[in-house]
Structures are given as C-alpha cells and as structure tokens.
C-alpha cells in the first residue's frame, strides 16, 4: 500500500479504530470488524473520499457491484448523480 493510499484511508477513518489494512480487507472479502461490512466501507468511501482516491482505492467495479444498495443510502445526492454518470460513461453495469 502506498503512503498516499494509506493517508487517504486514514483520513476517511479518522473517527474509527479500523486500520487501513482492515478497511481494504473489508472491501475485498466483506469481513466485519466491529460489526461493519463491505457496504459500510463502500458507503463511507463514497461519502468521504476525494473522487480520484475513491476510484483508485475502491474502484468502479466494486461500486457498480453494490450500487443498487449503496445508491439508496448515500446522503449526498450530488455524489449519487456523479457516480451514476461515471458508471454510465464507462459503461459499467450496476448489479441488478
């Protein structure tokens, strides 16, 4: 993990005891430290990361996989519109 990636995740998790490594594991495997899961991690990243960090760390394929669930719970509607646009632009189908 690069220092830039570690810093972006650390900034995202400023109020949590979850480590940067655990956060990445949650995105990959769905582990549940402290009761949190993959959907929580993706939602937190969408709401709190800068766009380019989000794309680099989480990735569009992961977001697309869970977009139907995530979209309903994202509070920032500008982010929702932005993610919808990017998924359409790059023709990445959201899971049904």
N, C-alpha and C. Protein backbone atom coordinates (compact mmCIF):
# COMPACT_ATOMS: atom_id res chain seq x y z
N UNK A 1 0.86 -1.17 0.00
CA UNK A 1 0.00 0.00 0.00
C UNK A 1 0.90 1.23 0.00
N UNK A 2 0.58 2.16 -0.88
CA UNK A 2 1.39 3.38 -0.95
C UNK A 2 1.06 4.30 0.22
N UNK A 3 1.95 5.22 0.47
CA UNK A 3 1.72 6.19 1.54
C UNK A 3 0.50 7.06 1.23
N UNK A 4 0.31 7.39 -0.04
CA UNK A 4 -0.85 8.20 -0.45
C UNK A 4 -2.16 7.45 -0.16
N UNK A 5 -2.18 6.16 -0.47
CA UNK A 5 -3.37 5.35 -0.20
C UNK A 5 -3.62 5.25 1.29
N UNK A 6 -2.58 4.97 2.02
CA UNK A 6 -2.70 4.87 3.49
C UNK A 6 -3.24 6.16 4.08
N UNK A 7 -2.73 7.29 3.61
CA UNK A 7 -3.18 8.60 4.13
C UNK A 7 -4.65 8.85 3.80
N UNK A 8 -5.07 8.52 2.58
CA UNK A 8 -6.47 8.74 2.18
C UNK A 8 -7.42 7.90 3.03
N UNK A 9 -7.03 6.66 3.30
CA UNK A 9 -7.88 5.79 4.12
C UNK A 9 -7.87 6.26 5.57
N UNK A 10 -6.71 6.66 6.05
CA UNK A 10 -6.61 7.13 7.44
C UNK A 10 -7.48 8.38 7.65
N UNK A 11 -7.48 9.28 6.69
CA UNK A 11 -8.34 10.48 6.78
C UNK A 11 -9.81 10.08 6.79
N UNK A 12 -10.15 9.08 6.02
CA UNK A 12 -11.53 8.61 5.96
C UNK A 12 -11.98 8.00 7.28
N UNK A 13 -11.07 7.31 7.93
CA UNK A 13 -11.40 6.56 9.15
C UNK A 13 -10.98 7.29 10.42
N UNK A 14 -10.90 8.59 10.37
CA UNK A 14 -10.39 9.39 11.48
C UNK A 14 -11.12 9.12 12.79
N UNK A 15 -12.39 8.73 12.73
CA UNK A 15 -13.17 8.54 13.95
C UNK A 15 -13.41 7.06 14.26
N UNK A 16 -12.60 6.19 13.68
CA UNK A 16 -12.81 4.76 13.82
C UNK A 16 -11.51 4.08 14.25
N UNK A 17 -11.65 2.92 14.87
CA UNK A 17 -10.46 2.15 15.24
C UNK A 17 -10.08 1.14 14.16
N UNK A 18 -10.76 1.17 13.03
CA UNK A 18 -10.46 0.27 11.92
C UNK A 18 -9.15 0.71 11.26
N UNK A 19 -8.26 -0.23 11.03
CA UNK A 19 -6.98 0.10 10.40
C UNK A 19 -7.14 0.19 8.89
N UNK A 20 -6.15 0.76 8.25
CA UNK A 20 -6.16 0.88 6.80
C UNK A 20 -6.19 -0.50 6.15
N UNK A 21 -5.43 -1.44 6.69
CA UNK A 21 -5.41 -2.80 6.16
C UNK A 21 -6.76 -3.49 6.32
N UNK A 22 -7.39 -3.32 7.49
CA UNK A 22 -8.71 -3.92 7.70
C UNK A 22 -9.75 -3.32 6.75
N UNK A 23 -9.64 -2.02 6.49
CA UNK A 23 -10.57 -1.37 5.56
C UNK A 23 -10.45 -2.01 4.18
N UNK A 24 -9.24 -2.21 3.70
CA UNK A 24 -9.04 -2.84 2.39
C UNK A 24 -9.55 -4.28 2.38
N UNK A 25 -9.35 -5.00 3.47
CA UNK A 25 -9.87 -6.37 3.57
C UNK A 25 -11.39 -6.37 3.53
N UNK A 26 -12.01 -5.39 4.17
CA UNK A 26 -13.47 -5.29 4.15
C UNK A 26 -13.97 -5.13 2.72
N UNK A 27 -13.28 -4.30 1.93
CA UNK A 27 -13.69 -4.09 0.55
C UNK A 27 -13.56 -5.37 -0.28
N UNK A 28 -12.55 -6.16 0.01
CA UNK A 28 -12.30 -7.38 -0.78
C UNK A 28 -13.12 -8.57 -0.34
N UNK A 29 -13.26 -8.75 0.95
CA UNK A 29 -13.84 -10.01 1.40
C UNK A 29 -15.10 -9.86 2.23
N UNK A 30 -15.41 -8.65 2.62
CA UNK A 30 -16.61 -8.47 3.42
C UNK A 30 -16.43 -8.81 4.89
N UNK A 31 -15.20 -8.83 5.40
CA UNK A 31 -15.02 -9.10 6.83
C UNK A 31 -15.75 -8.04 7.63
N UNK A 32 -16.09 -8.34 8.83
CA UNK A 32 -16.91 -7.46 9.64
C UNK A 32 -16.24 -7.09 10.95
N UNK A 33 -15.17 -6.30 10.92
CA UNK A 33 -14.60 -5.88 12.22
C UNK A 33 -15.56 -4.89 12.89
N UNK A 34 -15.78 -5.07 14.14
CA UNK A 34 -16.66 -4.19 14.91
C UNK A 34 -18.07 -4.09 14.32
N UNK A 35 -18.50 -5.12 13.59
CA UNK A 35 -19.86 -5.11 13.04
C UNK A 35 -20.02 -4.38 11.73
N UNK A 36 -18.96 -3.81 11.19
CA UNK A 36 -19.05 -3.11 9.91
C UNK A 36 -18.82 -4.10 8.78
N UNK A 37 -19.36 -3.77 7.60
CA UNK A 37 -19.22 -4.69 6.47
C UNK A 37 -18.79 -3.96 5.20
N UNK A 38 -18.75 -4.70 4.09
CA UNK A 38 -18.32 -4.17 2.80
C UNK A 38 -19.17 -2.98 2.37
N UNK A 39 -20.47 -3.06 2.55
CA UNK A 39 -21.37 -1.98 2.15
C UNK A 39 -21.07 -0.73 2.96
N UNK A 40 -20.84 -0.89 4.24
CA UNK A 40 -20.49 0.25 5.08
C UNK A 40 -19.21 0.90 4.58
N UNK A 41 -18.20 0.07 4.28
CA UNK A 41 -16.91 0.60 3.82
C UNK A 41 -17.05 1.35 2.50
N UNK A 42 -17.81 0.79 1.57
CA UNK A 42 -18.00 1.44 0.29
C UNK A 42 -18.77 2.76 0.45
N UNK A 43 -19.82 2.74 1.27
CA UNK A 43 -20.61 3.96 1.50
C UNK A 43 -19.75 5.04 2.15
N UNK A 44 -18.97 4.64 3.13
CA UNK A 44 -18.10 5.60 3.83
C UNK A 44 -17.11 6.22 2.84
N UNK A 45 -16.55 5.39 1.96
CA UNK A 45 -15.59 5.89 0.97
C UNK A 45 -16.26 6.84 -0.01
N UNK A 46 -17.43 6.48 -0.50
CA UNK A 46 -18.15 7.33 -1.45
C UNK A 46 -18.46 8.68 -0.83
N UNK A 47 -18.89 8.67 0.40
CA UNK A 47 -19.27 9.92 1.06
C UNK A 47 -18.08 10.74 1.53
N UNK A 48 -16.93 10.10 1.76
CA UNK A 48 -15.85 10.83 2.40
C UNK A 48 -14.55 11.00 1.63
N UNK A 49 -14.37 10.25 0.55
CA UNK A 49 -13.11 10.34 -0.18
C UNK A 49 -13.19 11.29 -1.36
N UNK A 50 -12.05 11.85 -1.71
CA UNK A 50 -11.96 12.60 -2.95
C UNK A 50 -12.14 11.62 -4.10
N UNK A 51 -12.69 12.10 -5.21
CA UNK A 51 -13.06 11.24 -6.34
C UNK A 51 -11.90 10.34 -6.79
N UNK A 52 -10.74 10.89 -7.05
CA UNK A 52 -9.64 10.09 -7.58
C UNK A 52 -9.13 9.06 -6.57
N UNK A 53 -9.17 9.40 -5.29
CA UNK A 53 -8.82 8.41 -4.27
C UNK A 53 -9.86 7.29 -4.25
N UNK A 54 -11.12 7.66 -4.36
CA UNK A 54 -12.21 6.68 -4.39
C UNK A 54 -12.03 5.69 -5.54
N UNK A 55 -11.75 6.21 -6.73
CA UNK A 55 -11.58 5.35 -7.90
C UNK A 55 -10.36 4.46 -7.75
N UNK A 56 -9.29 5.01 -7.22
CA UNK A 56 -8.05 4.23 -7.06
C UNK A 56 -8.18 3.17 -5.98
N UNK A 57 -8.80 3.50 -4.86
CA UNK A 57 -8.83 2.59 -3.71
C UNK A 57 -10.01 1.63 -3.77
N UNK A 58 -11.19 2.14 -4.04
CA UNK A 58 -12.38 1.29 -4.06
C UNK A 58 -12.61 0.72 -5.46
N UNK A 59 -12.58 1.56 -6.45
CA UNK A 59 -12.75 1.10 -7.83
C UNK A 59 -14.20 1.10 -8.28
N UNK A 60 -14.38 1.36 -9.55
CA UNK A 60 -15.73 1.43 -10.11
C UNK A 60 -16.43 0.07 -10.14
N UNK A 61 -15.69 -1.00 -10.34
CA UNK A 61 -16.33 -2.32 -10.39
C UNK A 61 -16.96 -2.68 -9.05
N UNK A 62 -16.26 -2.38 -7.96
CA UNK A 62 -16.84 -2.65 -6.64
C UNK A 62 -18.08 -1.80 -6.41
N UNK A 63 -17.97 -0.53 -6.76
CA UNK A 63 -19.12 0.37 -6.56
C UNK A 63 -20.30 -0.11 -7.40
N UNK A 64 -20.05 -0.46 -8.65
CA UNK A 64 -21.11 -0.93 -9.54
C UNK A 64 -21.77 -2.20 -8.99
N UNK A 65 -20.95 -3.08 -8.45
CA UNK A 65 -21.47 -4.35 -7.90
C UNK A 65 -22.56 -4.11 -6.85
N UNK A 66 -22.37 -3.09 -6.02
CA UNK A 66 -23.28 -2.85 -4.90
C UNK A 66 -24.09 -1.55 -5.07
N UNK A 67 -24.07 -0.96 -6.25
CA UNK A 67 -24.65 0.37 -6.43
C UNK A 67 -26.13 0.44 -6.08
N UNK A 68 -26.89 -0.58 -6.41
CA UNK A 68 -28.33 -0.57 -6.12
C UNK A 68 -28.59 -0.40 -4.62
N UNK A 69 -27.78 -1.04 -3.81
CA UNK A 69 -27.90 -0.92 -2.35
C UNK A 69 -27.35 0.42 -1.88
N UNK A 70 -26.16 0.76 -2.37
CA UNK A 70 -25.48 1.98 -1.93
C UNK A 70 -26.26 3.25 -2.27
N UNK A 71 -26.78 3.30 -3.48
CA UNK A 71 -27.43 4.50 -4.00
C UNK A 71 -28.53 5.00 -3.07
N UNK A 72 -29.27 4.09 -2.48
CA UNK A 72 -30.38 4.45 -1.60
C UNK A 72 -29.93 5.10 -0.29
N UNK A 73 -28.70 4.79 0.11
CA UNK A 73 -28.27 5.25 1.43
C UNK A 73 -27.25 6.39 1.41
N UNK A 74 -26.85 6.83 0.23
CA UNK A 74 -25.90 7.94 0.15
C UNK A 74 -26.65 9.23 0.38
N UNK A 75 -26.22 10.00 1.35
CA UNK A 75 -26.90 11.25 1.70
C UNK A 75 -26.62 12.37 0.72
N UNK A 76 -25.43 12.40 0.16
CA UNK A 76 -25.03 13.47 -0.75
C UNK A 76 -25.54 13.14 -2.16
N UNK A 77 -26.63 13.77 -2.56
CA UNK A 77 -27.26 13.47 -3.85
C UNK A 77 -26.40 13.89 -5.03
N UNK A 78 -25.52 14.86 -4.84
CA UNK A 78 -24.59 15.23 -5.90
C UNK A 78 -23.62 14.08 -6.16
N UNK A 79 -23.20 13.42 -5.11
CA UNK A 79 -22.34 12.23 -5.26
C UNK A 79 -23.08 11.12 -5.99
N UNK A 80 -24.34 10.93 -5.66
CA UNK A 80 -25.14 9.90 -6.33
C UNK A 80 -25.20 10.18 -7.82
N UNK A 81 -25.50 11.42 -8.18
CA UNK A 81 -25.57 11.79 -9.60
C UNK A 81 -24.21 11.59 -10.27
N UNK A 82 -23.15 11.95 -9.58
CA UNK A 82 -21.81 11.80 -10.13
C UNK A 82 -21.44 10.34 -10.37
N UNK A 83 -21.74 9.47 -9.41
CA UNK A 83 -21.43 8.05 -9.57
C UNK A 83 -22.29 7.46 -10.69
N UNK A 84 -23.58 7.83 -10.73
CA UNK A 84 -24.45 7.37 -11.83
C UNK A 84 -23.84 7.75 -13.18
N UNK A 85 -23.38 8.99 -13.28
CA UNK A 85 -22.79 9.47 -14.53
C UNK A 85 -21.55 8.66 -14.92
N UNK A 86 -20.66 8.47 -13.96
CA UNK A 86 -19.41 7.76 -14.24
C UNK A 86 -19.70 6.30 -14.64
N UNK A 87 -20.62 5.65 -13.96
CA UNK A 87 -20.95 4.27 -14.31
C UNK A 87 -21.52 4.19 -15.73
N UNK A 88 -22.35 5.16 -16.10
CA UNK A 88 -22.89 5.20 -17.48
C UNK A 88 -21.78 5.52 -18.48
N UNK A 89 -20.95 6.51 -18.16
CA UNK A 89 -19.91 6.95 -19.08
C UNK A 89 -18.96 5.81 -19.43
N UNK A 90 -18.57 5.04 -18.44
CA UNK A 90 -17.63 3.95 -18.67
C UNK A 90 -18.35 2.62 -18.92
N UNK A 91 -19.67 2.69 -19.05
CA UNK A 91 -20.48 1.53 -19.39
C UNK A 91 -20.22 0.36 -18.44
N UNK A 92 -20.23 0.67 -17.15
CA UNK A 92 -20.04 -0.36 -16.12
C UNK A 92 -21.42 -0.68 -15.56
N UNK A 93 -21.93 -1.86 -15.87
CA UNK A 93 -23.30 -2.18 -15.42
C UNK A 93 -23.36 -2.36 -13.92
N UNK A 94 -24.37 -1.77 -13.33
CA UNK A 94 -24.64 -1.98 -11.90
C UNK A 94 -25.30 -3.33 -11.75
N UNK A 95 -25.03 -3.99 -10.65
CA UNK A 95 -25.64 -5.29 -10.41
C UNK A 95 -27.14 -5.12 -10.23
N UNK A 96 -27.88 -6.04 -10.77
CA UNK A 96 -29.34 -5.97 -10.78
C UNK A 96 -29.95 -6.22 -9.48
